[in-house]
Protein backbone atom coordinates (compact mmCIF):
# COMPACT_ATOMS: atom_id res chain seq x y z
CA MET A 1 171.20 -24.72 -32.09
CA LYS A 2 174.65 -25.60 -30.67
CA GLY A 3 174.18 -22.88 -27.97
CA LEU A 4 170.74 -24.36 -27.11
CA LEU A 5 172.10 -27.86 -26.73
CA THR A 6 174.97 -26.51 -24.54
CA GLN A 7 172.40 -24.86 -22.22
CA VAL A 8 170.35 -28.04 -22.03
CA ARG A 9 173.42 -30.15 -21.12
CA SER A 10 174.21 -27.75 -18.27
CA TYR A 11 171.21 -29.13 -16.35
CA GLU A 12 170.78 -32.43 -14.53
CA ARG A 13 169.70 -35.46 -16.56
CA SER A 14 166.21 -35.32 -15.09
CA VAL A 15 165.75 -31.70 -16.36
CA GLN A 16 167.07 -32.63 -19.81
CA LEU A 17 164.71 -35.60 -19.96
CA LEU A 18 161.69 -33.54 -18.93
CA MET A 19 162.36 -31.07 -21.72
CA VAL A 20 162.62 -33.80 -24.33
CA ASN A 21 159.53 -35.49 -22.83
CA GLN A 22 157.53 -32.32 -23.26
CA PHE A 23 158.57 -32.00 -26.88
CA THR A 24 157.50 -35.57 -27.51
CA ILE A 25 154.21 -35.11 -25.58
CA ASN A 26 153.31 -32.10 -27.68
CA LEU A 27 154.41 -33.82 -30.92
CA GLY A 28 152.11 -36.76 -30.25
CA PHE A 29 149.25 -34.58 -29.05
CA TYR A 30 149.29 -32.06 -31.85
CA MET A 31 149.72 -34.54 -34.64
CA LEU A 32 146.31 -35.87 -33.71
CA MET A 33 144.07 -33.23 -32.09
CA PRO A 34 143.89 -30.67 -34.88
CA TYR A 35 142.40 -33.41 -37.18
CA LEU A 36 140.10 -35.12 -34.68
CA ALA A 37 137.05 -32.93 -35.39
CA ALA A 38 137.28 -33.61 -39.11
CA HIS A 39 137.54 -37.33 -38.47
CA LEU A 40 134.54 -37.31 -36.18
CA SER A 41 132.33 -35.20 -38.48
CA GLY A 42 133.61 -36.51 -41.79
CA THR A 43 134.77 -40.19 -41.52
CA LEU A 44 132.37 -41.12 -38.73
CA GLY A 45 129.58 -38.78 -39.84
CA LEU A 46 128.79 -37.55 -36.36
CA ALA A 47 126.49 -34.50 -35.81
CA GLY A 48 128.13 -31.22 -34.94
CA TRP A 49 126.88 -31.20 -31.34
CA ILE A 50 128.32 -34.70 -30.78
CA VAL A 51 131.69 -33.57 -32.13
CA GLY A 52 131.53 -30.59 -29.75
CA LEU A 53 130.61 -32.94 -26.89
CA VAL A 54 133.58 -35.26 -27.57
CA LEU A 55 136.03 -32.42 -27.70
CA GLY A 56 134.44 -30.67 -24.76
CA VAL A 57 134.74 -33.77 -22.57
CA ARG A 58 138.50 -33.83 -23.20
CA ASN A 59 138.85 -30.21 -22.23
CA PHE A 60 136.60 -30.53 -19.17
CA SER A 61 138.30 -33.65 -17.89
CA GLN A 62 141.72 -31.93 -18.14
CA GLN A 63 140.85 -28.55 -16.73
CA GLY A 64 138.59 -29.98 -14.03
CA MET A 65 141.18 -32.47 -12.82
CA PHE A 66 144.35 -30.35 -12.77
CA LEU A 67 143.99 -29.77 -9.05
CA VAL A 68 143.55 -33.51 -8.33
CA GLY A 69 146.53 -34.34 -10.61
CA GLY A 70 148.73 -31.77 -8.83
CA THR A 71 147.68 -33.04 -5.42
CA LEU A 72 148.42 -36.68 -6.34
CA ALA A 73 151.83 -35.59 -7.62
CA ASP A 74 152.64 -33.92 -4.31
CA ARG A 75 151.49 -36.93 -2.38
CA LEU A 76 152.62 -39.87 -4.48
CA GLY A 77 155.58 -38.37 -6.27
CA TYR A 78 156.05 -36.69 -9.64
CA LYS A 79 157.26 -39.71 -11.60
CA PRO A 80 154.18 -41.92 -11.02
CA MET A 81 151.86 -39.18 -12.28
CA ILE A 82 153.99 -38.53 -15.38
CA VAL A 83 154.07 -42.22 -16.20
CA ALA A 84 150.28 -42.58 -15.49
CA GLY A 85 149.54 -39.67 -17.79
CA CYS A 86 151.56 -41.09 -20.64
CA VAL A 87 149.96 -44.50 -20.30
CA LEU A 88 146.47 -42.94 -20.30
CA ARG A 89 147.32 -40.98 -23.41
CA THR A 90 148.50 -44.15 -25.06
CA LEU A 91 145.20 -45.90 -24.38
CA GLY A 92 143.05 -42.86 -25.16
CA PHE A 93 144.64 -42.07 -28.55
CA ALA A 94 144.66 -45.72 -29.62
CA THR A 95 140.96 -45.98 -28.79
CA LEU A 96 140.12 -42.82 -30.74
CA GLY A 97 141.46 -44.46 -33.83
CA LEU A 98 139.88 -47.86 -33.35
CA VAL A 99 136.29 -47.19 -32.21
CA ASP A 100 133.28 -45.44 -33.58
CA SER A 101 130.65 -45.75 -30.82
CA LEU A 102 129.84 -42.59 -28.87
CA PRO A 103 130.42 -44.10 -25.33
CA ALA A 104 133.85 -45.37 -26.33
CA LEU A 105 134.71 -42.05 -28.00
CA LEU A 106 133.67 -40.14 -24.86
CA ALA A 107 135.68 -42.48 -22.63
CA ALA A 108 138.77 -42.12 -24.82
CA SER A 109 138.39 -38.36 -24.92
CA ALA A 110 138.09 -38.19 -21.16
CA ALA A 111 141.13 -40.36 -20.72
CA THR A 112 143.29 -38.09 -22.91
CA GLY A 113 142.14 -35.07 -20.89
CA LEU A 114 142.81 -36.78 -17.57
CA ALA A 115 146.25 -37.74 -18.81
CA GLY A 116 147.12 -34.06 -19.21
CA ALA A 117 145.80 -33.24 -15.76
CA LEU A 118 148.07 -35.93 -14.30
CA PHE A 119 151.38 -35.15 -15.94
CA ASN A 120 151.26 -31.36 -16.58
CA PRO A 121 151.50 -30.22 -12.92
CA ALA A 122 153.91 -33.00 -12.10
CA VAL A 123 156.30 -32.08 -14.96
CA ARG A 124 156.40 -28.44 -14.02
CA ALA A 125 156.87 -29.09 -10.31
CA TYR A 126 159.60 -31.64 -11.08
CA LEU A 127 161.37 -29.18 -13.39
CA ALA A 128 161.18 -26.37 -10.84
CA ALA A 129 162.58 -28.57 -8.11
CA ASP A 130 165.52 -29.94 -10.01
CA ALA A 131 166.36 -26.67 -11.76
CA GLY A 132 166.74 -24.93 -8.37
CA GLU A 133 167.93 -21.33 -8.63
CA ARG A 134 168.01 -21.58 -12.41
CA ARG A 135 164.25 -22.06 -12.70
CA VAL A 136 163.64 -19.06 -14.92
CA GLU A 137 166.26 -20.17 -17.44
CA ALA A 138 165.01 -23.76 -17.25
CA PHE A 139 161.42 -22.78 -18.00
CA ALA A 140 162.63 -20.65 -20.93
CA LEU A 141 164.31 -23.77 -22.42
CA PHE A 142 161.25 -25.83 -21.52
CA ASN A 143 159.10 -23.40 -23.58
CA VAL A 144 161.40 -23.92 -26.61
CA PHE A 145 160.86 -27.68 -26.53
CA TYR A 146 157.14 -27.09 -25.85
CA GLN A 147 156.73 -24.87 -28.88
CA ALA A 148 158.80 -27.11 -31.08
CA GLY A 149 156.40 -29.97 -30.47
CA ILE A 150 153.46 -27.76 -31.25
CA LEU A 151 155.07 -26.63 -34.47
CA LEU A 152 156.07 -30.07 -35.79
CA GLY A 153 153.13 -32.07 -34.51
CA PRO A 154 150.49 -30.76 -37.01
CA LEU A 155 152.94 -31.22 -39.89
CA ALA A 156 153.55 -34.83 -39.03
CA GLY A 157 149.80 -35.30 -38.44
CA MET A 158 148.95 -33.79 -41.85
CA VAL A 159 151.18 -36.34 -43.62
CA LEU A 160 149.79 -39.29 -41.63
CA THR A 161 146.20 -38.19 -41.80
CA GLY A 162 146.56 -37.88 -45.53
CA VAL A 163 146.91 -41.62 -45.51
CA ASP A 164 144.41 -42.56 -42.81
CA PHE A 165 143.43 -40.82 -39.53
CA ARG A 166 143.57 -44.18 -37.77
CA ILE A 167 147.29 -44.36 -38.61
CA THR A 168 147.74 -40.95 -36.99
CA CYS A 169 146.03 -42.22 -33.86
CA LEU A 170 148.12 -45.38 -33.66
CA VAL A 171 151.41 -43.52 -34.31
CA SER A 172 150.59 -41.00 -31.64
CA ALA A 173 149.63 -43.77 -29.21
CA GLY A 174 152.90 -45.49 -30.05
CA ILE A 175 154.82 -42.33 -29.26
CA PHE A 176 153.19 -42.15 -25.81
CA ALA A 177 153.83 -45.87 -25.28
CA VAL A 178 157.52 -45.42 -25.96
CA LEU A 179 157.56 -42.32 -23.78
CA SER A 180 155.95 -44.34 -20.92
CA VAL A 181 158.69 -46.91 -21.07
CA VAL A 182 161.37 -44.22 -21.18
CA GLN A 183 159.86 -42.57 -18.07
CA ILE A 184 159.86 -45.86 -16.21
CA ARG A 185 163.38 -46.73 -17.07
CA ALA A 186 165.17 -43.38 -17.16
CA LEU A 187 163.33 -40.77 -15.12
CA PRO A 188 164.55 -40.66 -11.51
CA ALA A 189 161.96 -40.91 -8.79
CA ARG A 190 161.14 -37.48 -7.30
CA ARG A 191 158.85 -36.63 -4.43
CA ALA A 192 157.70 -33.26 -3.36
CA GLU A 193 159.24 -33.66 0.09
CA ASP A 194 162.69 -33.88 -1.47
CA ALA A 195 162.38 -30.29 -2.63
CA LYS A 196 161.49 -28.83 0.75
CA PRO A 197 159.88 -30.56 3.74
CA GLN A 198 156.46 -29.24 4.66
CA GLU A 199 156.63 -27.61 8.06
CA GLY A 200 153.78 -29.02 9.96
CA GLY A 201 151.85 -29.82 6.82
CA GLY A 202 152.85 -33.36 5.97
CA GLY A 203 150.03 -34.95 7.95
CA LYS A 204 147.22 -32.65 6.85
CA GLY A 205 144.34 -33.90 4.71
CA VAL A 206 143.79 -32.95 1.18
CA LEU A 207 140.85 -30.64 1.89
CA ALA A 208 142.85 -28.81 4.52
CA GLN A 209 145.73 -28.31 2.09
CA TRP A 210 143.33 -27.01 -0.57
CA ARG A 211 141.79 -24.60 1.87
CA GLY A 212 145.30 -23.40 2.81
CA ILE A 213 146.15 -22.77 -0.87
CA ILE A 214 142.90 -20.99 -1.51
CA ALA A 215 143.71 -18.81 1.55
CA ASN A 216 147.01 -17.82 -0.11
CA ARG A 217 145.64 -14.51 -1.42
CA PRO A 218 148.72 -13.31 -3.35
CA PHE A 219 148.70 -16.65 -5.27
CA LEU A 220 145.00 -16.34 -6.15
CA LEU A 221 145.34 -12.70 -7.20
CA PHE A 222 148.27 -13.54 -9.35
CA SER A 223 146.40 -16.43 -10.91
CA LEU A 224 143.47 -14.22 -11.71
CA ALA A 225 145.66 -11.46 -13.18
CA MET A 226 147.40 -14.00 -15.46
CA ILE A 227 144.14 -15.30 -16.95
CA GLY A 228 144.36 -12.52 -19.50
CA SER A 229 147.67 -13.78 -20.83
CA TYR A 230 146.15 -17.11 -21.68
CA VAL A 231 143.02 -15.61 -23.24
CA LEU A 232 145.21 -13.34 -25.39
CA SER A 233 147.67 -16.02 -26.41
CA PHE A 234 144.78 -18.39 -27.35
CA GLN A 235 143.63 -15.93 -30.01
CA VAL A 236 146.31 -17.39 -32.26
CA TYR A 237 143.96 -20.37 -32.54
CA LEU A 238 140.65 -18.44 -32.50
CA ALA A 239 140.37 -14.75 -33.48
CA LEU A 240 143.47 -14.48 -35.66
CA PRO A 241 142.62 -17.41 -38.04
CA LEU A 242 138.99 -16.22 -38.17
CA GLU A 243 140.21 -12.75 -39.23
CA VAL A 244 142.45 -14.29 -41.86
CA ARG A 245 139.53 -16.33 -43.20
CA ARG A 246 137.20 -13.36 -43.07
CA LEU A 247 139.36 -11.37 -45.42
CA GLY A 248 141.36 -14.06 -47.27
CA GLY A 249 138.59 -16.66 -47.65
CA ASP A 250 138.82 -20.44 -47.24
CA GLY A 251 140.87 -21.15 -50.34
CA GLU A 252 144.57 -21.87 -50.72
CA SER A 253 145.58 -18.23 -50.11
CA GLY A 254 143.69 -18.18 -46.80
CA THR A 255 145.22 -21.50 -45.80
CA ALA A 256 148.65 -20.20 -46.59
CA ALA A 257 148.08 -17.08 -44.50
CA VAL A 258 146.95 -19.18 -41.53
CA ALA A 259 149.96 -21.45 -41.90
CA LEU A 260 152.23 -18.34 -41.93
CA LEU A 261 150.62 -17.21 -38.74
CA PHE A 262 151.34 -20.44 -36.95
CA ALA A 263 154.85 -20.73 -38.30
CA VAL A 264 155.81 -17.23 -37.13
CA SER A 265 154.38 -17.86 -33.67
CA GLY A 266 156.21 -21.13 -33.17
CA LEU A 267 159.51 -20.31 -34.89
CA SER A 268 159.92 -16.98 -33.11
CA THR A 269 159.67 -18.79 -29.76
CA ILE A 270 162.10 -21.51 -30.75
CA LEU A 271 164.68 -19.06 -32.06
CA GLY A 272 164.26 -16.23 -29.51
CA GLN A 273 163.02 -17.53 -26.14
CA THR A 274 166.35 -18.02 -24.36
CA ARG A 275 167.77 -14.71 -25.65
CA VAL A 276 164.63 -12.75 -24.59
CA THR A 277 164.76 -14.39 -21.12
CA ALA A 278 168.41 -13.62 -20.63
CA TRP A 279 167.87 -10.02 -21.72
CA CYS A 280 164.88 -9.53 -19.39
CA LYS A 281 166.54 -11.28 -16.41
CA ALA A 282 169.55 -8.93 -16.71
CA ARG A 283 167.35 -5.85 -16.59
CA TYR A 284 164.04 -6.45 -14.82
CA GLU A 285 162.66 -7.77 -11.63
CA THR A 286 160.19 -10.63 -11.98
CA GLY A 287 157.17 -8.35 -11.57
CA GLN A 288 158.54 -5.86 -14.05
CA ALA A 289 159.01 -8.56 -16.67
CA LEU A 290 155.53 -9.86 -16.14
CA VAL A 291 154.06 -6.40 -16.59
CA ARG A 292 155.96 -5.80 -19.75
CA GLY A 293 155.03 -9.23 -21.13
CA LEU A 294 151.31 -8.60 -20.62
CA ALA A 295 151.62 -5.12 -22.06
CA VAL A 296 153.25 -6.42 -25.21
CA MET A 297 150.51 -9.04 -25.53
CA GLY A 298 147.86 -6.32 -25.33
CA LEU A 299 149.70 -4.20 -27.90
CA ALA A 300 149.75 -7.26 -30.21
CA PHE A 301 146.22 -6.32 -31.35
CA VAL A 302 147.09 -2.80 -32.39
CA PRO A 303 148.07 -3.84 -35.96
CA LEU A 304 144.65 -5.46 -36.37
CA LEU A 305 142.99 -2.37 -34.96
CA LEU A 306 144.87 -0.09 -37.31
CA ALA A 307 144.07 -2.41 -40.27
CA THR A 308 140.34 -1.86 -39.68
CA ALA A 309 140.80 1.76 -40.78
CA MET A 310 142.18 0.72 -44.14
CA PRO A 311 140.13 0.16 -47.28
CA VAL A 312 139.61 -3.51 -48.12
CA PRO A 313 140.81 -4.35 -51.64
CA LYS A 314 138.41 -6.46 -53.68
CA SER A 315 141.04 -9.02 -54.67
CA GLY A 316 144.64 -9.60 -55.54
CA ILE A 317 147.84 -9.35 -53.60
CA GLY A 318 146.62 -6.29 -51.66
CA LEU A 319 143.73 -8.28 -50.18
CA TRP A 320 146.03 -11.17 -49.25
CA LEU A 321 148.47 -8.80 -47.54
CA LEU A 322 145.74 -7.16 -45.58
CA ALA A 323 144.44 -10.62 -44.56
CA ALA A 324 147.96 -11.98 -43.66
CA VAL A 325 150.22 -9.21 -42.38
CA PRO A 326 148.27 -7.70 -39.43
CA PRO A 327 147.32 -11.13 -37.93
CA THR A 328 150.93 -12.36 -38.44
CA LEU A 329 152.33 -9.24 -36.68
CA ALA A 330 149.81 -9.83 -33.87
CA ALA A 331 150.95 -13.51 -33.60
CA LEU A 332 154.58 -12.36 -33.46
CA LEU A 333 153.91 -9.83 -30.72
CA LEU A 334 151.87 -12.37 -28.78
CA ALA A 335 154.83 -14.76 -29.00
CA VAL A 336 157.23 -12.06 -27.80
CA GLY A 337 154.95 -11.15 -24.85
CA THR A 338 154.70 -14.82 -23.93
CA MET A 339 158.46 -15.24 -24.23
CA ILE A 340 158.91 -12.31 -21.82
CA ALA A 341 156.33 -13.47 -19.29
CA TYR A 342 156.27 -17.26 -19.28
CA PRO A 343 159.52 -18.24 -17.49
CA PHE A 344 158.91 -15.58 -14.78
CA GLU A 345 155.30 -16.68 -14.52
CA MET A 346 156.32 -20.29 -13.80
CA ASP A 347 158.94 -19.13 -11.29
CA THR A 348 156.45 -16.90 -9.51
CA ILE A 349 154.08 -19.77 -8.91
CA VAL A 350 156.83 -21.67 -7.09
CA ARG A 351 157.83 -18.62 -5.00
CA LEU A 352 154.25 -17.87 -4.04
CA SER A 353 153.81 -21.47 -3.00
CA GLY A 354 156.71 -21.10 -0.54
CA ASP A 355 158.13 -24.29 -2.22
CA ARG A 356 155.40 -26.31 -0.59
CA LEU A 357 152.79 -28.36 -2.51
CA VAL A 358 154.20 -26.92 -5.74
CA ALA A 359 152.38 -29.37 -8.02
CA THR A 360 149.09 -28.66 -6.26
CA HIS A 361 149.65 -24.94 -6.82
CA TYR A 362 150.33 -25.56 -10.50
CA GLY A 363 147.22 -27.73 -10.74
CA LEU A 364 144.96 -24.98 -9.23
CA TYR A 365 146.62 -22.34 -11.36
CA ASN A 366 145.94 -24.36 -14.53
CA THR A 367 142.36 -24.85 -13.51
CA ILE A 368 141.80 -21.14 -12.85
CA CYS A 369 143.41 -20.15 -16.14
CA GLY A 370 141.52 -22.95 -17.98
CA VAL A 371 138.19 -21.60 -16.77
CA GLY A 372 139.33 -18.13 -17.70
CA ILE A 373 140.21 -19.24 -21.20
CA THR A 374 136.76 -20.78 -21.67
CA LEU A 375 135.01 -17.61 -20.46
CA GLY A 376 137.41 -15.42 -22.42
CA ASN A 377 136.84 -17.28 -25.61
CA LEU A 378 133.09 -17.04 -25.19
CA GLY A 379 133.54 -13.30 -24.72
CA THR A 380 135.82 -13.05 -27.77
CA GLY A 381 133.42 -15.02 -29.88
CA ALA A 382 130.57 -12.74 -28.77
CA ALA A 383 132.72 -9.64 -29.61
CA LEU A 384 133.43 -11.09 -33.09
CA ASP A 385 129.74 -11.74 -33.72
CA ALA A 386 128.79 -8.31 -32.45
CA ALA A 387 131.43 -6.67 -34.64
CA ARG A 388 130.06 -8.39 -37.74
CA ALA A 389 126.45 -7.61 -36.86
CA ALA A 390 127.15 -3.98 -36.05
CA GLY A 391 129.65 -3.35 -38.76
CA LEU A 392 132.33 -2.46 -36.15
CA PRO A 393 135.40 -4.62 -37.09
CA ALA A 394 137.55 -2.81 -34.54
CA LEU A 395 135.47 -3.96 -31.51
CA PRO A 396 137.14 -7.32 -30.77
CA TRP A 397 140.62 -5.80 -31.15
CA ILE A 398 139.84 -2.96 -28.81
CA THR A 399 138.45 -5.46 -26.29
CA LEU A 400 141.60 -7.60 -26.39
CA PHE A 401 143.88 -4.58 -26.32
CA VAL A 402 142.15 -3.27 -23.18
CA LEU A 403 142.25 -6.79 -21.58
CA GLY A 404 146.02 -6.96 -22.03
CA LEU A 405 146.58 -3.49 -20.51
CA ALA A 406 144.18 -4.20 -17.65
CA CYS A 407 146.03 -7.41 -16.74
CA ALA A 408 149.38 -5.60 -17.02
CA ALA A 409 148.05 -2.90 -14.63
CA ALA A 410 146.85 -5.60 -12.22
CA LEU A 411 150.31 -7.21 -12.20
CA TYR A 412 151.93 -3.82 -11.72
CA GLY A 413 149.72 -3.33 -8.63
CA LEU A 414 150.69 -6.76 -7.26
CA HIS A 415 154.39 -6.01 -7.89
CA ARG A 416 154.34 -2.53 -6.29
CA THR A 417 152.59 -3.85 -3.18
CA GLY A 418 155.11 -6.71 -2.77
CA ARG A 419 152.57 -9.49 -3.34
CA LEU A 420 154.69 -11.21 -5.97
CA ALA A 421 157.46 -11.86 -3.46
CA ALA A 422 157.90 -15.20 -1.72
CA PRO A 423 156.00 -15.52 1.55
CA PRO A 424 157.98 -15.72 4.84
CA ALA A 425 159.45 -19.16 5.38
CA SER A 426 157.53 -19.56 8.64
CA GLU A 427 154.17 -18.88 7.02
CA PRO A 428 152.29 -22.22 6.66
CA LEU A 429 150.42 -22.14 3.34
CA THR A 430 148.78 -25.43 4.21
CA ALA A 431 147.24 -24.27 7.48
CA THR A 432 143.57 -24.96 8.01
CA VAL A 433 141.41 -21.89 7.74
């Protein structure tokens, strides 16, 4: 821990603040969101399709507005978008705890999603700009704070929700309110132009800039290749818990196995991210690290694949071990693969942008990956259903394993052809096409 704090202190105050901010953002978000569906269906008694609609509106408003949020950050500055996002989350989370009408719930859900679309691209672009040549190491530290918030948020939410979900909402809203004030008072103003002036692009309209980014073929190919990493990592929340429940049941033993899965995923990142990044940076080029990260993520499903060949005990410790160990190993390998790839992934986006309109590139990247996650989860769900219907439990794990290796192969091709390198400085990514 002392070494981690020493690394954090070696960066500018703005970078330090952005890391603490992200921890706090995730703490406030994850203390509420895992328990929202139960509140909507249980306390408020809403139908299942309405619960799905409320949650879907949040996801759609975030994924659909990432590009707009990134564009606004590049045009208006990073700080205003970070502050606006925190204020919106304050209002949205407070509203979720105080209202019970469907229109108000939908508006609050949309506000929380839009908030993420406003501050996520801005935070990453700001961090990349102020970290400079130490971007890879900075994003490694950023991921530690990010995962710490994810790990602690549900624990805090469990305690608060045990009293009343409305208290959870108000505490979360209070966290974002305090965070808003901290941003206003302590976060230095930062505009995209401070990082690198846009050569001939400053006066172009938004649509022209978007067309220029879409014409950046290496960036788009990289974005498409990286979709698989997000589909695979999301299985910690989808396929792995479902597999635990399938074998371990919904009782206390199944709950303990799921908790173990999440704990291993979060703690391994907190304890190992900076070491893994330093090790990889000393040995691999960016493209090589990305390929290895995706390959490890694909291999994460091999323990589950092998487990399907084992006889299933009827009960006892043997059944619990079969339900808990393979998914936990998969979660650990997914975390290792993400630790390898994530800092280099964030750095590659900046390099492929040519240091121009960085937040807009992050916004489009998030939108592409968000759509990919949705489609990937639909495919994973279909594979899980087909596996149950056909009596082929190995099917989803083979599918995910192949997806990981296919994305690793795609990244290998991009690396070998030089498409992951920064474009020439004279090449105007914002040119009208």
